[in-house]
C-alpha atoms as a PDB file:
ATOM      1  CA  MET A   1      -0.016   0.022  -0.027  1.00  0.00           C
ATOM      2  CA  THR A   2       1.477   3.358  -1.173  1.00  0.00           C
ATOM      3  CA  LEU A   3       0.700   6.564   0.636  1.00  0.00           C
ATOM      4  CA  LYS A   4       1.199   9.845  -0.823  1.00  0.00           C
ATOM      5  CA  ILE A   5       4.061  11.998   0.782  1.00  0.00           C
ATOM      6  CA  SER A   6       1.369  14.398   2.209  1.00  0.00           C
ATOM      7  CA  THR A   7      -0.404  11.677   4.007  1.00  0.00           C
ATOM      8  CA  ARG A   8       2.862  10.094   5.509  1.00  0.00           C
ATOM      9  CA  LEU A   9       3.903  13.549   6.664  1.00  0.00           C
ATOM     10  CA  LEU A  10       0.409  14.134   8.268  1.00  0.00           C
ATOM     11  CA  LEU A  11       0.649  10.799   9.984  1.00  0.00           C
ATOM     12  CA  GLY A  12       4.204  11.561  11.222  1.00  0.00           C
ATOM     13  CA  PHE A  13       3.244  14.985  12.593  1.00  0.00           C
ATOM     14  CA  GLY A  14       0.004  13.558  14.221  1.00  0.00           C
ATOM     15  CA  LEU A  15       2.043  10.924  15.904  1.00  0.00           C
ATOM     16  CA  LEU A  16       4.468  13.414  17.106  1.00  0.00           C
ATOM     17  CA  ILE A  17       1.810  15.809  18.488  1.00  0.00           C
ATOM     18  CA  ALA A  18       0.225  12.785  20.241  1.00  0.00           C
ATOM     19  CA  LEU A  19       3.552  11.866  21.880  1.00  0.00           C
ATOM     20  CA  MET A  20       4.097  15.616  22.939  1.00  0.00           C
ATOM     21  CA  ALA A  21       0.450  15.766  24.401  1.00  0.00           C
ATOM     22  CA  LEU A  22       1.239  12.464  26.333  1.00  0.00           C
ATOM     23  CA  THR A  23       4.515  14.000  27.600  1.00  0.00           C
ATOM     24  CA  VAL A  24       2.703  17.249  28.674  1.00  0.00           C
ATOM     25  CA  GLY A  25       0.062  15.282  30.426  1.00  0.00           C
ATOM     26  CA  MET A  26       2.727  13.316  32.460  1.00  0.00           C
ATOM     27  CA  GLY A  27       4.442  16.460  33.352  1.00  0.00           C
ATOM     28  CA  VAL A  28       1.135  17.970  34.543  1.00  0.00           C
ATOM     29  CA  TYR A  29       0.455  14.874  36.751  1.00  0.00           C
ATOM     30  CA  ALA A  30       3.978  14.897  38.127  1.00  0.00           C
ATOM     31  CA  VAL A  31       3.888  18.568  39.115  1.00  0.00           C
ATOM     32  CA  ALA A  32       0.482  18.087  40.862  1.00  0.00           C
ATOM     33  CA  SER A  33       1.666  14.885  42.684  1.00  0.00           C
ATOM     34  CA  LEU A  34       4.785  16.918  43.601  1.00  0.00           C
ATOM     35  CA  GLY A  35       2.535  19.682  45.224  1.00  0.00           C
ATOM     36  CA  ASN A  36       0.647  17.021  47.305  1.00  0.00           C
ATOM     37  CA  ARG A  37       4.000  15.601  48.565  1.00  0.00           C
ATOM     38  CA  LEU A  38       5.319  18.998  49.250  1.00  0.00           C
ATOM     39  CA  ASP A  39       2.173  19.713  51.432  1.00  0.00           C
ATOM     40  CA  ILE A  40       2.734  16.606  53.394  1.00  0.00           C
ATOM     41  CA  ILE A  41       6.339  17.561  53.961  1.00  0.00           C
ATOM     42  CA  VAL A  42       5.375  21.251  55.051  1.00  0.00           C
ATOM     43  CA  HIS A  43       2.416  20.446  57.205  1.00  0.00           C
ATOM     44  CA  GLY A  44       3.298  16.947  58.449  1.00  0.00           C
ATOM     45  CA  HIS A  45       7.015  16.436  58.556  1.00  0.00           C
ATOM     46  CA  PHE A  46       7.826  19.946  59.650  1.00  0.00           C
ATOM     47  CA  LYS A  47       6.037  19.676  63.089  1.00  0.00           C
ATOM     48  CA  ASP A  48       8.017  16.428  63.629  1.00  0.00           C
ATOM     49  CA  THR A  49      11.234  18.115  62.653  1.00  0.00           C
ATOM     50  CA  MET A  50      10.502  20.885  65.153  1.00  0.00           C
ATOM     51  CA  ASP A  51       9.712  18.507  67.912  1.00  0.00           C
ATOM     52  CA  THR A  52      13.018  16.704  67.205  1.00  0.00           C
ATOM     53  CA  VAL A  53      14.796  20.033  67.269  1.00  0.00           C
ATOM     54  CA  ASP A  54      13.236  20.959  70.617  1.00  0.00           C
ATOM     55  CA  ILE A  55      14.433  17.669  72.013  1.00  0.00           C
ATOM     56  CA  ARG A  56      18.064  18.339  70.679  1.00  0.00           C
ATOM     57  CA  GLU A  57      17.979  21.840  72.144  1.00  0.00           C
ATOM     58  CA  THR A  58      16.744  20.652  75.499  1.00  0.00           C
ATOM     59  CA  VAL A  59      19.472  17.896  75.688  1.00  0.00           C
ATOM     60  CA  ASN A  60      22.014  20.739  74.990  1.00  0.00           C
ATOM     61  CA  GLU A  61      20.377  22.769  77.884  1.00  0.00           C
ATOM     62  CA  VAL A  62      20.704  19.782  80.153  1.00  0.00           C
ATOM     63  CA  ALA A  63      24.370  19.262  79.268  1.00  0.00           C
ATOM     64  CA  ARG A  64      25.170  22.926  80.028  1.00  0.00           C
ATOM     65  CA  ALA A  65      23.226  22.911  83.346  1.00  0.00           C
ATOM     66  CA  VAL A  66      25.092  19.688  84.321  1.00  0.00           C
ATOM     67  CA  TYR A  67      28.361  21.347  83.420  1.00  0.00           C
ATOM     68  CA  ASN A  68      27.378  24.473  85.332  1.00  0.00           C
ATOM     69  CA  LEU A  69      26.461  22.498  88.561  1.00  0.00           C
ATOM     70  CA  SER A  70      30.097  21.644  89.122  1.00  0.00           C
ATOM     71  CA  GLY A  71      30.923  25.121  90.161  1.00  0.00           C
ATOM     72  CA  GLY A  72      29.601  28.589  90.357  1.00  0.00           C
ATOM     73  CA  GLU A  73      27.283  30.569  92.645  1.00  0.00           C
ATOM     74  CA  PRO A  74      24.543  28.798  94.602  1.00  0.00           C
ATOM     75  CA  ASP A  75      21.735  30.777  93.123  1.00  0.00           C
ATOM     76  CA  LYS A  76      22.850  29.832  89.621  1.00  0.00           C
ATOM     77  CA  ARG A  77      23.079  26.294  90.618  1.00  0.00           C
ATOM     78  CA  ARG A  78      19.523  26.412  91.930  1.00  0.00           C
ATOM     79  CA  ALA A  79      18.354  27.783  88.618  1.00  0.00           C
ATOM     80  CA  ASP A  80      20.166  24.931  86.807  1.00  0.00           C
ATOM     81  CA  VAL A  81      18.690  22.324  88.873  1.00  0.00           C
ATOM     82  CA  ALA A  82      15.161  23.883  88.037  1.00  0.00           C
ATOM     83  CA  ARG A  83      16.104  23.774  84.359  1.00  0.00           C
ATOM     84  CA  LEU A  84      16.948  20.117  84.752  1.00  0.00           C
ATOM     85  CA  GLU A  85      13.708  19.302  86.432  1.00  0.00           C
ATOM     86  CA  GLY A  86      11.650  21.267  83.636  1.00  0.00           C
ATOM     87  CA  SER A  87      13.593  19.729  80.867  1.00  0.00           C
ATOM     88  CA  GLU A  88      12.442  16.131  81.468  1.00  0.00           C
ATOM     89  CA  LYS A  89       8.764  17.285  80.948  1.00  0.00           C
ATOM     90  CA  ILE A  90       9.693  19.046  77.624  1.00  0.00           C
ATOM     91  CA  ILE A  91      11.510  15.935  76.406  1.00  0.00           C
ATOM     92  CA  ASN A  92       8.852  13.491  77.343  1.00  0.00           C
ATOM     93  CA  LYS A  93       6.051  15.804  75.762  1.00  0.00           C
ATOM     94  CA  ASN A  94       7.919  15.964  72.464  1.00  0.00           C
ATOM     95  CA  PHE A  95       8.690  12.220  72.519  1.00  0.00           C
ATOM     96  CA  GLU A  96       4.968  11.608  72.915  1.00  0.00           C
ATOM     97  CA  ALA A  97       4.136  13.955  70.047  1.00  0.00           C
ATOM     98  CA  LEU A  98       6.712  12.054  67.887  1.00  0.00           C
ATOM     99  CA  LYS A  99       5.040   8.697  68.892  1.00  0.00           C
ATOM    100  CA  ALA A 100       1.646   9.959  67.853  1.00  0.00           C
ATOM    101  CA  SER A 101       2.837  11.189  64.611  1.00  0.00           C
ATOM    102  CA  PRO A 102       1.331   9.492  61.605  1.00  0.00           C
ATOM    103  CA  PHE A 103       4.774   9.632  59.816  1.00  0.00           C
ATOM    104  CA  LYS A 104       6.376   7.089  62.462  1.00  0.00           C
ATOM    105  CA  VAL A 105       9.332   9.172  63.171  1.00  0.00           C
ATOM    106  CA  ILE A 106      10.340   6.956  66.104  1.00  0.00           C
ATOM    107  CA  ASN A 107      10.786   3.628  64.484  1.00  0.00           C
ATOM    108  CA  ARG A 108      13.316   2.018  66.743  1.00  0.00           C
ATOM    109  CA  SER A 109      12.237  -1.094  68.531  1.00  0.00           C
ATOM    110  CA  GLY A 110      10.623   0.108  71.673  1.00  0.00           C
ATOM    111  CA  GLY A 111       9.933   3.496  70.458  1.00  0.00           C
ATOM    112  CA  ALA A 112      11.342   6.152  72.888  1.00  0.00           C
ATOM    113  CA  GLN A 113      12.438   3.452  75.360  1.00  0.00           C
ATOM    114  CA  GLY A 114      14.857   2.320  72.715  1.00  0.00           C
ATOM    115  CA  PHE A 115      16.864   5.661  73.248  1.00  0.00           C
ATOM    116  CA  PRO A 116      19.373   5.875  76.077  1.00  0.00           C
ATOM    117  CA  PRO A 117      18.210   7.771  79.129  1.00  0.00           C
ATOM    118  CA  ILE A 118      18.999  11.495  78.736  1.00  0.00           C
ATOM    119  CA  ILE A 119      18.679  12.502  82.419  1.00  0.00           C
END
């Protein structure tokens, strides 16, 4: 079967346009799904990240307070002891928030109990 050159060119360009439309459709779908995943990161994982940062900052405060207990004025030592007592509540609150997270941030066996004691 012999096709005229104009028919062959028309079929070739038609196939090319169909492939381009398919590529554009896949790109639009990828951008839309990227937006959904970005929303999960921003609204979900960000809170878990901030809870983890709060734990790290509290552990650093505990380390400084323990270091300061070795010397210094009695009033400052009392303030450091009070900081130590309050830090356990902060750390436990953040661990509970991470345990309740739908993103399963704490995935070690035993959850927070799998971590070594901080205080």
